[in-house]
Structures are given as C-alpha cells and as structure tokens.
C-alpha cells in the first residue's frame, strides 16, 4: 500500500496520477484532511482516508497497512514542524517501510527562511530511525506563472531575485519523481536535489513570455521590503509575503539553482522545458 498525504492538493493529485500508471488504485491511499474534497479520487478506486496533521489520532487510522508513505510538506506558512513530526511519529508506529518527504532545494545550506522548517523536518526524520528518502524539490515553475495575467496586463514581472537563476521544474515532473522513489527500490537513505535541466532568471522568463505572447513584458527588480509590500497589497498574508520576498533574495545568491540533473535521471526523461510551460500558461 502506498499513502500520499495532502493528496487532494495540486502535487498530491499529480503523484496519484503518476502512481496509477503502474499501481492498482486499491493499493493507493489518498490521506487527506477533508475526504469530501477527494471524492473524485474515490470514484477512480483510490482509497480515501482522513489524515489531518493537526489531529494525530486520524493519522494512526490513515496509515494502517501502509508500506510506503509520501509526506508532502504542509502548506502552513509557519509552524509546520509539529505537523510534520506528527506524521513521522504515526508512520513509525505504523511500521512503514519507507518514508519520502518533499523538502526544499539545498535545504541543509539554503539561506532562505522557508528552508528552516524543512531542515528541521529532515533532522526529525533522521533521528526517527525510519528508512527514508528526502526529495528536495526546487521551486515549482507554475508558481512563477501565477503572476502571468498581471504581467501581461501591466507589461512587467516583479521580484527581488536580481540575476539569480531558478532551476524551477514543472509540478508534474516532481510528482513523477515521487512516484518513482515509492515504486522502485534503492532509495532509502538518499537525498535528491531535484531541479529542472535548464535554469532561468526572471528577466529571461519575462523575455520568453514576450516572445510567445507578442506583448512586451519586462522584469522589474525591487528591494526586498518593497517586493514584500507589493505582495501584501495584492492580498497575501504579511508573513507569507515576507517569506516569498526573502526566498527571492536567497535565489539571487544561488539558493534555488541546481544543475546536478537528479530529477531527469529519476524520471528517465528531460524535465519539461520552460517554453512548454509558458505556452501552456498562455493557452489557459
């Protein structure tokens, strides 16, 4: 049995899609906070179980009979470590044979504040005694493209990354990698730095959007505080805005760049090119 936490989220659903290519649906557990949001998965034959990080008693039931577990990091802005610890503890009690965790690129050395709780979670996993594999995911390329409508309207992307390179990959590529480590052997004890084959700066992203859309889009680099203020002004919670601005500054120092090629090797194909991701975003 394979269990995916946060299975009703964007990454979780893609991991289940990837698993379904080789694994019978009744051997996949969608562990979700709200089972009502996973009825479509249930209709596909996937086993849906309640698993709320904040209610540890639900985790014990969710992990019954589970051999391999993917812990998708909580979407909480802060305070994620106790939630992750609850899952790790429950996995230990359930006797899972492999725990996989979606961490952050170079979490052990990254200056980004977002990396702190990932690093701490990795430490908890290391001391748990569970056979585990760490999936240090780079930035999701789709996150950059969430600002596409505004960029097209105003003719500019904004950020605080200067000329920092992002090795951002498609969410589907990260999901495929997670499915591989769950369904094949030899991954316990390993840490994978997962990133796209080709990196880009935000200026290059703007140029690619200009090329494909026929509209002039530039990249305007802001000071960290100014960028955080803009994010807050468009509705992001102040703490999240601060963390994202901080991540951009970390990217300017190389924190979100990696050219090791581990992601492509895991999924046995090149990662999805930026050109394709932009084209898809423009169609949508």
C-alpha atoms as a PDB file:
ATOM      1  CA  UNK A   1       0.000   0.000   0.000  1.00  0.00           C
ATOM      2  CA  UNK A   2       1.170   3.485  -0.894  1.00  0.00           C
ATOM      3  CA  UNK A   3      -0.116   6.533   1.002  1.00  0.00           C
ATOM      4  CA  UNK A   4       0.119  10.157  -0.091  1.00  0.00           C
ATOM      5  CA  UNK A   5      -0.546  12.891   2.457  1.00  0.00           C
ATOM      6  CA  UNK A   6      -2.092  16.128   1.214  1.00  0.00           C
ATOM      7  CA  UNK A   7      -3.426  14.049  -1.660  1.00  0.00           C
ATOM      8  CA  UNK A   8      -6.185  16.486  -2.607  1.00  0.00           C
ATOM      9  CA  UNK A   9      -3.633  19.244  -3.266  1.00  0.00           C
ATOM     10  CA  UNK A  10      -2.015  20.053  -6.589  1.00  0.00           C
ATOM     11  CA  UNK A  11       1.140  17.991  -6.090  1.00  0.00           C
ATOM     12  CA  UNK A  12      -0.641  15.149  -4.317  1.00  0.00           C
ATOM     13  CA  UNK A  13      -3.122  14.638  -7.136  1.00  0.00           C
ATOM     14  CA  UNK A  14      -0.305  14.526  -9.683  1.00  0.00           C
ATOM     15  CA  UNK A  15       1.574  11.945  -7.613  1.00  0.00           C
ATOM     16  CA  UNK A  16      -1.547   9.779  -7.544  1.00  0.00           C
ATOM     17  CA  UNK A  17      -1.931  10.190 -11.316  1.00  0.00           C
ATOM     18  CA  UNK A  18       1.666   9.002 -11.735  1.00  0.00           C
ATOM     19  CA  UNK A  19       1.170   6.047  -9.392  1.00  0.00           C
ATOM     20  CA  UNK A  20      -1.976   4.965 -11.204  1.00  0.00           C
ATOM     21  CA  UNK A  21       0.110   4.323 -14.315  1.00  0.00           C
ATOM     22  CA  UNK A  22       1.627   1.245 -12.645  1.00  0.00           C
ATOM     23  CA  UNK A  23      -0.173   0.644  -9.329  1.00  0.00           C
ATOM     24  CA  UNK A  24      -3.755  -0.638  -8.868  1.00  0.00           C
ATOM     25  CA  UNK A  25      -5.997   2.085  -7.450  1.00  0.00           C
ATOM     26  CA  UNK A  26      -6.971  -0.003  -4.421  1.00  0.00           C
ATOM     27  CA  UNK A  27      -3.337  -0.031  -3.291  1.00  0.00           C
ATOM     28  CA  UNK A  28      -3.148   3.773  -3.167  1.00  0.00           C
ATOM     29  CA  UNK A  29      -4.289   5.689  -0.076  1.00  0.00           C
ATOM     30  CA  UNK A  30      -5.190   9.342  -0.501  1.00  0.00           C
ATOM     31  CA  UNK A  31      -4.610  10.694   3.014  1.00  0.00           C
ATOM     32  CA  UNK A  32      -6.492  13.983   3.153  1.00  0.00           C
ATOM     33  CA  UNK A  33      -7.705  16.449   5.731  1.00  0.00           C
ATOM     34  CA  UNK A  34     -11.153  16.653   4.171  1.00  0.00           C
ATOM     35  CA  UNK A  35     -12.293  13.428   2.448  1.00  0.00           C
ATOM     36  CA  UNK A  36     -15.150  15.292   0.778  1.00  0.00           C
ATOM     37  CA  UNK A  37     -12.580  17.070  -1.392  1.00  0.00           C
ATOM     38  CA  UNK A  38     -11.258  13.749  -2.653  1.00  0.00           C
ATOM     39  CA  UNK A  39     -14.467  12.151  -3.861  1.00  0.00           C
ATOM     40  CA  UNK A  40     -13.192  12.201  -7.429  1.00  0.00           C
ATOM     41  CA  UNK A  41     -10.205  10.110  -6.331  1.00  0.00           C
ATOM     42  CA  UNK A  42     -12.519   7.683  -4.577  1.00  0.00           C
ATOM     43  CA  UNK A  43     -14.530   7.363  -7.784  1.00  0.00           C
ATOM     44  CA  UNK A  44     -11.308   6.292  -9.522  1.00  0.00           C
ATOM     45  CA  UNK A  45     -10.899   3.478  -6.999  1.00  0.00           C
ATOM     46  CA  UNK A  46      -8.331   5.165  -4.769  1.00  0.00           C
ATOM     47  CA  UNK A  47      -8.734   4.524  -1.025  1.00  0.00           C
ATOM     48  CA  UNK A  48      -9.539   7.828   0.680  1.00  0.00           C
ATOM     49  CA  UNK A  49      -8.801   8.220   4.395  1.00  0.00           C
ATOM     50  CA  UNK A  50      -8.963  11.195   6.714  1.00  0.00           C
ATOM     51  CA  UNK A  51      -5.495  12.364   7.775  1.00  0.00           C
ATOM     52  CA  UNK A  52      -5.302  15.743   9.464  1.00  0.00           C
ATOM     53  CA  UNK A  53      -1.795  16.802  10.510  1.00  0.00           C
ATOM     54  CA  UNK A  54      -3.360  18.761  13.367  1.00  0.00           C
ATOM     55  CA  UNK A  55      -5.319  15.735  14.641  1.00  0.00           C
ATOM     56  CA  UNK A  56      -2.772  12.951  15.178  1.00  0.00           C
ATOM     57  CA  UNK A  57      -5.470  10.445  16.072  1.00  0.00           C
ATOM     58  CA  UNK A  58      -6.585  10.469  12.421  1.00  0.00           C
ATOM     59  CA  UNK A  59      -3.094   9.583  11.232  1.00  0.00           C
ATOM     60  CA  UNK A  60      -2.986   6.235  13.036  1.00  0.00           C
ATOM     61  CA  UNK A  61      -6.072   5.075  11.159  1.00  0.00           C
ATOM     62  CA  UNK A  62      -4.944   6.562   7.856  1.00  0.00           C
ATOM     63  CA  UNK A  63      -1.652   4.662   7.851  1.00  0.00           C
ATOM     64  CA  UNK A  64      -2.971   1.193   8.730  1.00  0.00           C
ATOM     65  CA  UNK A  65      -1.482  -1.320   6.297  1.00  0.00           C
ATOM     66  CA  UNK A  66       0.650   1.312   4.536  1.00  0.00           C
ATOM     67  CA  UNK A  67       4.098   0.186   3.345  1.00  0.00           C
ATOM     68  CA  UNK A  68       5.378   3.354   1.698  1.00  0.00           C
ATOM     69  CA  UNK A  69       4.365   6.885   2.640  1.00  0.00           C
ATOM     70  CA  UNK A  70       4.911  10.226   0.928  1.00  0.00           C
ATOM     71  CA  UNK A  71       4.788  13.133   3.365  1.00  0.00           C
ATOM     72  CA  UNK A  72       4.004  16.225   1.332  1.00  0.00           C
ATOM     73  CA  UNK A  73       5.064  19.215   3.392  1.00  0.00           C
ATOM     74  CA  UNK A  74       2.300  21.225   4.997  1.00  0.00           C
ATOM     75  CA  UNK A  75       1.123  24.389   3.279  1.00  0.00           C
ATOM     76  CA  UNK A  76       1.066  26.272   6.580  1.00  0.00           C
ATOM     77  CA  UNK A  77       3.202  29.418   6.380  1.00  0.00           C
ATOM     78  CA  UNK A  78       4.817  28.767   9.771  1.00  0.00           C
ATOM     79  CA  UNK A  79       4.521  26.135  12.487  1.00  0.00           C
ATOM     80  CA  UNK A  80       4.901  23.202  10.124  1.00  0.00           C
ATOM     81  CA  UNK A  81       7.426  21.247  12.168  1.00  0.00           C
ATOM     82  CA  UNK A  82       4.949  19.921  14.792  1.00  0.00           C
ATOM     83  CA  UNK A  83       2.599  18.876  11.989  1.00  0.00           C
ATOM     84  CA  UNK A  84       5.345  17.015  10.172  1.00  0.00           C
ATOM     85  CA  UNK A  85       6.526  15.434  13.420  1.00  0.00           C
ATOM     86  CA  UNK A  86       3.005  14.061  13.997  1.00  0.00           C
ATOM     87  CA  UNK A  87       3.085  12.343  10.602  1.00  0.00           C
ATOM     88  CA  UNK A  88       6.597  10.976  11.156  1.00  0.00           C
ATOM     89  CA  UNK A  89       5.635   9.600  14.574  1.00  0.00           C
ATOM     90  CA  UNK A  90       2.498   7.978  13.177  1.00  0.00           C
ATOM     91  CA  UNK A  91       4.485   6.487  10.303  1.00  0.00           C
ATOM     92  CA  UNK A  92       6.900   4.963  12.796  1.00  0.00           C
ATOM     93  CA  UNK A  93       4.109   3.436  14.825  1.00  0.00           C
ATOM     94  CA  UNK A  94       2.506   2.078  11.650  1.00  0.00           C
ATOM     95  CA  UNK A  95       5.772   0.400  10.682  1.00  0.00           C
ATOM     96  CA  UNK A  96       6.065   1.881   7.192  1.00  0.00           C
ATOM     97  CA  UNK A  97       8.994   0.507   5.208  1.00  0.00           C
ATOM     98  CA  UNK A  98       9.819   3.823   3.504  1.00  0.00           C
ATOM     99  CA  UNK A  99       9.025   7.450   4.272  1.00  0.00           C
ATOM    100  CA  UNK A 100       9.553  10.000   1.495  1.00  0.00           C
ATOM    101  CA  UNK A 101       9.447  13.718   2.301  1.00  0.00           C
ATOM    102  CA  UNK A 102       9.117  16.704  -0.033  1.00  0.00           C
ATOM    103  CA  UNK A 103      11.729  19.126   1.241  1.00  0.00           C
ATOM    104  CA  UNK A 104      13.273  22.234  -0.356  1.00  0.00           C
ATOM    105  CA  UNK A 105      16.221  22.512  -2.715  1.00  0.00           C
ATOM    106  CA  UNK A 106      19.505  22.613  -0.756  1.00  0.00           C
ATOM    107  CA  UNK A 107      17.542  22.778   2.497  1.00  0.00           C
ATOM    108  CA  UNK A 108      20.642  21.977   4.533  1.00  0.00           C
ATOM    109  CA  UNK A 109      22.542  25.060   3.318  1.00  0.00           C
ATOM    110  CA  UNK A 110      19.876  27.420   1.944  1.00  0.00           C
ATOM    111  CA  UNK A 111      19.795  30.942   3.421  1.00  0.00           C
ATOM    112  CA  UNK A 112      16.045  31.153   2.709  1.00  0.00           C
ATOM    113  CA  UNK A 113      13.844  31.305   5.789  1.00  0.00           C
ATOM    114  CA  UNK A 114      11.467  28.882   4.069  1.00  0.00           C
ATOM    115  CA  UNK A 115      14.179  26.238   4.333  1.00  0.00           C
ATOM    116  CA  UNK A 116      14.359  26.315   8.133  1.00  0.00           C
ATOM    117  CA  UNK A 117      11.406  24.048   8.890  1.00  0.00           C
ATOM    118  CA  UNK A 118      12.315  21.749   6.008  1.00  0.00           C
ATOM    119  CA  UNK A 119      15.791  21.378   7.501  1.00  0.00           C
ATOM    120  CA  UNK A 120      14.310  20.727  10.927  1.00  0.00           C
ATOM    121  CA  UNK A 121      11.914  18.123   9.490  1.00  0.00           C
ATOM    122  CA  UNK A 122      14.800  16.346   7.798  1.00  0.00           C
ATOM    123  CA  UNK A 123      16.546  16.213  11.184  1.00  0.00           C
ATOM    124  CA  UNK A 124      13.458  14.693  12.838  1.00  0.00           C
ATOM    125  CA  UNK A 125      13.276  12.068  10.090  1.00  0.00           C
ATOM    126  CA  UNK A 126      16.969  11.262  10.522  1.00  0.00           C
ATOM    127  CA  UNK A 127      16.532  10.640  14.240  1.00  0.00           C
ATOM    128  CA  UNK A 128      13.281   8.674  13.814  1.00  0.00           C
ATOM    129  CA  UNK A 129      15.012   5.534  12.621  1.00  0.00           C
ATOM    130  CA  UNK A 130      12.618   5.224   9.694  1.00  0.00           C
ATOM    131  CA  UNK A 131      14.017   4.204   6.310  1.00  0.00           C
ATOM    132  CA  UNK A 132      13.583   7.456   4.415  1.00  0.00           C
ATOM    133  CA  UNK A 133      14.309   9.352   1.227  1.00  0.00           C
ATOM    134  CA  UNK A 134      14.421  13.131   1.039  1.00  0.00           C
ATOM    135  CA  UNK A 135      13.089  14.818  -2.103  1.00  0.00           C
ATOM    136  CA  UNK A 136      14.453  18.359  -2.097  1.00  0.00           C
ATOM    137  CA  UNK A 137      12.180  19.983  -4.645  1.00  0.00           C
ATOM    138  CA  UNK A 138      13.156  23.206  -6.343  1.00  0.00           C
ATOM    139  CA  UNK A 139      10.642  25.966  -6.989  1.00  0.00           C
ATOM    140  CA  UNK A 140       7.532  24.951  -8.902  1.00  0.00           C
ATOM    141  CA  UNK A 141       7.602  26.642 -12.306  1.00  0.00           C
ATOM    142  CA  UNK A 142       3.841  27.091 -12.112  1.00  0.00           C
ATOM    143  CA  UNK A 143       4.318  29.389  -9.121  1.00  0.00           C
ATOM    144  CA  UNK A 144       6.209  31.870 -11.291  1.00  0.00           C
ATOM    145  CA  UNK A 145       3.441  31.764 -13.881  1.00  0.00           C
ATOM    146  CA  UNK A 146       0.671  32.531 -11.400  1.00  0.00           C
ATOM    147  CA  UNK A 147       1.596  36.171 -11.991  1.00  0.00           C
ATOM    148  CA  UNK A 148       1.189  35.825 -15.768  1.00  0.00           C
ATOM    149  CA  UNK A 149      -2.184  37.625 -16.118  1.00  0.00           C
ATOM    150  CA  UNK A 150      -0.894  40.610 -14.158  1.00  0.00           C
ATOM    151  CA  UNK A 151       2.388  40.617 -16.078  1.00  0.00           C
ATOM    152  CA  UNK A 152       0.561  40.686 -19.394  1.00  0.00           C
ATOM    153  CA  UNK A 153      -1.763  43.431 -18.179  1.00  0.00           C
ATOM    154  CA  UNK A 154       0.974  45.658 -16.785  1.00  0.00           C
ATOM    155  CA  UNK A 155       3.853  44.626 -19.021  1.00  0.00           C
ATOM    156  CA  UNK A 156       6.107  43.594 -16.149  1.00  0.00           C
ATOM    157  CA  UNK A 157       7.079  40.863 -13.737  1.00  0.00           C
ATOM    158  CA  UNK A 158       8.329  41.961 -10.344  1.00  0.00           C
ATOM    159  CA  UNK A 159      10.574  40.275  -7.824  1.00  0.00           C
ATOM    160  CA  UNK A 160      13.695  40.683  -5.742  1.00  0.00           C
ATOM    161  CA  UNK A 161      15.905  37.991  -7.246  1.00  0.00           C
ATOM    162  CA  UNK A 162      18.194  40.213  -9.318  1.00  0.00           C
ATOM    163  CA  UNK A 163      20.031  37.929 -11.781  1.00  0.00           C
ATOM    164  CA  UNK A 164      19.546  34.821  -9.643  1.00  0.00           C
ATOM    165  CA  UNK A 165      18.864  31.661 -11.612  1.00  0.00           C
ATOM    166  CA  UNK A 166      15.863  29.478 -10.804  1.00  0.00           C
ATOM    167  CA  UNK A 167      16.065  25.772 -11.627  1.00  0.00           C
ATOM    168  CA  UNK A 168      12.279  25.612 -11.379  1.00  0.00           C
ATOM    169  CA  UNK A 169      10.616  22.482 -12.740  1.00  0.00           C
ATOM    170  CA  UNK A 170       7.044  21.546 -13.533  1.00  0.00           C
ATOM    171  CA  UNK A 171       4.984  20.216 -10.653  1.00  0.00           C
ATOM    172  CA  UNK A 172       4.254  17.145 -12.789  1.00  0.00           C
ATOM    173  CA  UNK A 173       7.980  16.378 -13.002  1.00  0.00           C
ATOM    174  CA  UNK A 174       8.361  16.455  -9.219  1.00  0.00           C
ATOM    175  CA  UNK A 175       5.285  14.228  -8.907  1.00  0.00           C
ATOM    176  CA  UNK A 176       6.772  11.723 -11.330  1.00  0.00           C
ATOM    177  CA  UNK A 177       9.969  11.611  -9.261  1.00  0.00           C
ATOM    178  CA  UNK A 178       7.996  10.945  -6.086  1.00  0.00           C
ATOM    179  CA  UNK A 179       6.164   8.078  -7.763  1.00  0.00           C
ATOM    180  CA  UNK A 180       9.472   6.574  -8.896  1.00  0.00           C
ATOM    181  CA  UNK A 181      11.025   6.562  -5.412  1.00  0.00           C
ATOM    182  CA  UNK A 182       7.878   4.997  -3.972  1.00  0.00           C
ATOM    183  CA  UNK A 183       7.587   2.210  -6.529  1.00  0.00           C
ATOM    184  CA  UNK A 184      11.233   1.270  -7.097  1.00  0.00           C
ATOM    185  CA  UNK A 185      13.954   0.051  -4.757  1.00  0.00           C
ATOM    186  CA  UNK A 186      17.256   1.505  -3.619  1.00  0.00           C
ATOM    187  CA  UNK A 187      16.205   4.966  -2.476  1.00  0.00           C
ATOM    188  CA  UNK A 188      16.243   4.628   1.311  1.00  0.00           C
ATOM    189  CA  UNK A 189      18.926   6.774   2.885  1.00  0.00           C
ATOM    190  CA  UNK A 190      19.262   9.030  -0.152  1.00  0.00           C
ATOM    191  CA  UNK A 191      18.690  12.754  -0.569  1.00  0.00           C
ATOM    192  CA  UNK A 192      17.840  14.026  -4.042  1.00  0.00           C
ATOM    193  CA  UNK A 193      18.322  17.650  -5.100  1.00  0.00           C
ATOM    194  CA  UNK A 194      15.520  17.926  -7.670  1.00  0.00           C
ATOM    195  CA  UNK A 195      15.600  20.711 -10.227  1.00  0.00           C
ATOM    196  CA  UNK A 196      14.951  21.431 -13.888  1.00  0.00           C
ATOM    197  CA  UNK A 197      17.525  20.680 -16.547  1.00  0.00           C
ATOM    198  CA  UNK A 198      17.778  24.344 -17.520  1.00  0.00           C
ATOM    199  CA  UNK A 199      17.654  27.349 -15.194  1.00  0.00           C
ATOM    200  CA  UNK A 200      16.392  30.841 -15.974  1.00  0.00           C
ATOM    201  CA  UNK A 201      16.448  34.314 -14.496  1.00  0.00           C
ATOM    202  CA  UNK A 202      13.218  36.236 -14.046  1.00  0.00           C
ATOM    203  CA  UNK A 203      14.362  38.541 -16.846  1.00  0.00           C
ATOM    204  CA  UNK A 204      14.663  35.515 -19.135  1.00  0.00           C
ATOM    205  CA  UNK A 205      11.211  34.350 -18.049  1.00  0.00           C
ATOM    206  CA  UNK A 206       9.802  37.770 -18.974  1.00  0.00           C
ATOM    207  CA  UNK A 207      11.577  37.623 -22.335  1.00  0.00           C
ATOM    208  CA  UNK A 208      10.130  34.188 -23.107  1.00  0.00           C
ATOM    209  CA  UNK A 209       6.630  35.421 -22.262  1.00  0.00           C
ATOM    210  CA  UNK A 210       7.183  38.422 -24.535  1.00  0.00           C
ATOM    211  CA  UNK A 211       8.345  36.162 -27.362  1.00  0.00           C
ATOM    212  CA  UNK A 212       5.364  33.853 -27.166  1.00  0.00           C
ATOM    213  CA  UNK A 213       2.654  36.392 -26.369  1.00  0.00           C
ATOM    214  CA  UNK A 214       3.776  39.147 -28.708  1.00  0.00           C
ATOM    215  CA  UNK A 215       3.442  41.621 -25.827  1.00  0.00           C
ATOM    216  CA  UNK A 216       6.364  43.396 -24.241  1.00  0.00           C
ATOM    217  CA  UNK A 217       6.938  42.098 -20.716  1.00  0.00           C
ATOM    218  CA  UNK A 218       9.972  43.162 -18.682  1.00  0.00           C
ATOM    219  CA  UNK A 219      11.324  42.195 -15.286  1.00  0.00           C
ATOM    220  CA  UNK A 220      11.430  44.933 -12.649  1.00  0.00           C
ATOM    221  CA  UNK A 221      13.680  44.099  -9.722  1.00  0.00           C
ATOM    222  CA  UNK A 222      12.649  45.582  -6.381  1.00  0.00           C
ATOM    223  CA  UNK A 223      14.217  45.850  -2.959  1.00  0.00           C
ATOM    224  CA  UNK A 224      13.186  43.022  -0.650  1.00  0.00           C
ATOM    225  CA  UNK A 225      10.913  45.141   1.550  1.00  0.00           C
ATOM    226  CA  UNK A 226       9.308  46.830  -1.439  1.00  0.00           C
ATOM    227  CA  UNK A 227       8.537  43.484  -3.050  1.00  0.00           C
ATOM    228  CA  UNK A 228       7.030  42.180   0.187  1.00  0.00           C
ATOM    229  CA  UNK A 229       4.873  45.310   0.401  1.00  0.00           C
ATOM    230  CA  UNK A 230       3.552  44.745  -3.123  1.00  0.00           C
ATOM    231  CA  UNK A 231       2.704  41.121  -2.338  1.00  0.00           C
ATOM    232  CA  UNK A 232       0.872  42.233   0.790  1.00  0.00           C
ATOM    233  CA  UNK A 233      -1.016  44.886  -1.145  1.00  0.00           C
ATOM    234  CA  UNK A 234      -2.426  42.266  -3.529  1.00  0.00           C
ATOM    235  CA  UNK A 235      -3.764  40.183  -0.662  1.00  0.00           C
ATOM    236  CA  UNK A 236      -1.030  37.845   0.561  1.00  0.00           C
ATOM    237  CA  UNK A 237      -0.688  37.485   4.341  1.00  0.00           C
ATOM    238  CA  UNK A 238       2.223  39.642   5.547  1.00  0.00           C
ATOM    239  CA  UNK A 239       4.238  36.681   6.843  1.00  0.00           C
ATOM    240  CA  UNK A 240       3.890  34.798   3.558  1.00  0.00           C
ATOM    241  CA  UNK A 241       4.798  37.925   1.583  1.00  0.00           C
ATOM    242  CA  UNK A 242       7.882  38.350   3.740  1.00  0.00           C
ATOM    243  CA  UNK A 243       8.930  34.718   3.246  1.00  0.00           C
ATOM    244  CA  UNK A 244       8.500  34.907  -0.533  1.00  0.00           C
ATOM    245  CA  UNK A 245      10.496  38.112  -0.780  1.00  0.00           C
ATOM    246  CA  UNK A 246      13.194  36.529   1.363  1.00  0.00           C
ATOM    247  CA  UNK A 247      13.229  33.497  -0.961  1.00  0.00           C
ATOM    248  CA  UNK A 248      13.799  35.768  -3.953  1.00  0.00           C
ATOM    249  CA  UNK A 249      16.792  37.329  -2.222  1.00  0.00           C
ATOM    250  CA  UNK A 250      18.074  33.836  -1.430  1.00  0.00           C
ATOM    251  CA  UNK A 251      17.647  32.961  -5.110  1.00  0.00           C
ATOM    252  CA  UNK A 252      19.840  35.935  -6.002  1.00  0.00           C
ATOM    253  CA  UNK A 253      22.561  34.133  -4.028  1.00  0.00           C
ATOM    254  CA  UNK A 254      22.075  30.824  -5.839  1.00  0.00           C
ATOM    255  CA  UNK A 255      19.768  29.093  -3.355  1.00  0.00           C
ATOM    256  CA  UNK A 256      17.243  27.965  -5.986  1.00  0.00           C
ATOM    257  CA  UNK A 257      19.745  26.867  -8.633  1.00  0.00           C
ATOM    258  CA  UNK A 258      20.971  23.330  -9.189  1.00  0.00           C
ATOM    259  CA  UNK A 259      22.464  21.685 -12.258  1.00  0.00           C
ATOM    260  CA  UNK A 260      23.021  18.170 -10.925  1.00  0.00           C
ATOM    261  CA  UNK A 261      20.415  16.571 -13.200  1.00  0.00           C
ATOM    262  CA  UNK A 262      18.970  14.288 -10.500  1.00  0.00           C
ATOM    263  CA  UNK A 263      15.357  14.980 -11.449  1.00  0.00           C
ATOM    264  CA  UNK A 264      15.785  13.993 -15.101  1.00  0.00           C
ATOM    265  CA  UNK A 265      17.659  10.840 -14.091  1.00  0.00           C
ATOM    266  CA  UNK A 266      14.916   9.797 -11.673  1.00  0.00           C
ATOM    267  CA  UNK A 267      12.106  10.257 -14.182  1.00  0.00           C
ATOM    268  CA  UNK A 268      14.176   8.901 -17.105  1.00  0.00           C
ATOM    269  CA  UNK A 269      13.390  11.828 -19.374  1.00  0.00           C
ATOM    270  CA  UNK A 270      14.262  15.511 -19.722  1.00  0.00           C
ATOM    271  CA  UNK A 271      12.353  17.877 -17.476  1.00  0.00           C
ATOM    272  CA  UNK A 272       9.569  19.933 -19.051  1.00  0.00           C
ATOM    273  CA  UNK A 273      11.126  22.944 -20.827  1.00  0.00           C
ATOM    274  CA  UNK A 274      10.224  26.474 -19.775  1.00  0.00           C
ATOM    275  CA  UNK A 275       8.986  27.176 -23.302  1.00  0.00           C
ATOM    276  CA  UNK A 276       6.335  24.469 -22.970  1.00  0.00           C
ATOM    277  CA  UNK A 277       5.241  25.675 -19.552  1.00  0.00           C
ATOM    278  CA  UNK A 278       4.845  29.244 -20.797  1.00  0.00           C
ATOM    279  CA  UNK A 279       2.913  28.061 -23.844  1.00  0.00           C
ATOM    280  CA  UNK A 280       0.526  26.066 -21.648  1.00  0.00           C
ATOM    281  CA  UNK A 281       0.029  29.005 -19.270  1.00  0.00           C
ATOM    282  CA  UNK A 282      -0.730  31.359 -22.143  1.00  0.00           C
ATOM    283  CA  UNK A 283      -3.334  28.947 -23.549  1.00  0.00           C
ATOM    284  CA  UNK A 284      -5.044  28.798 -20.186  1.00  0.00           C
END
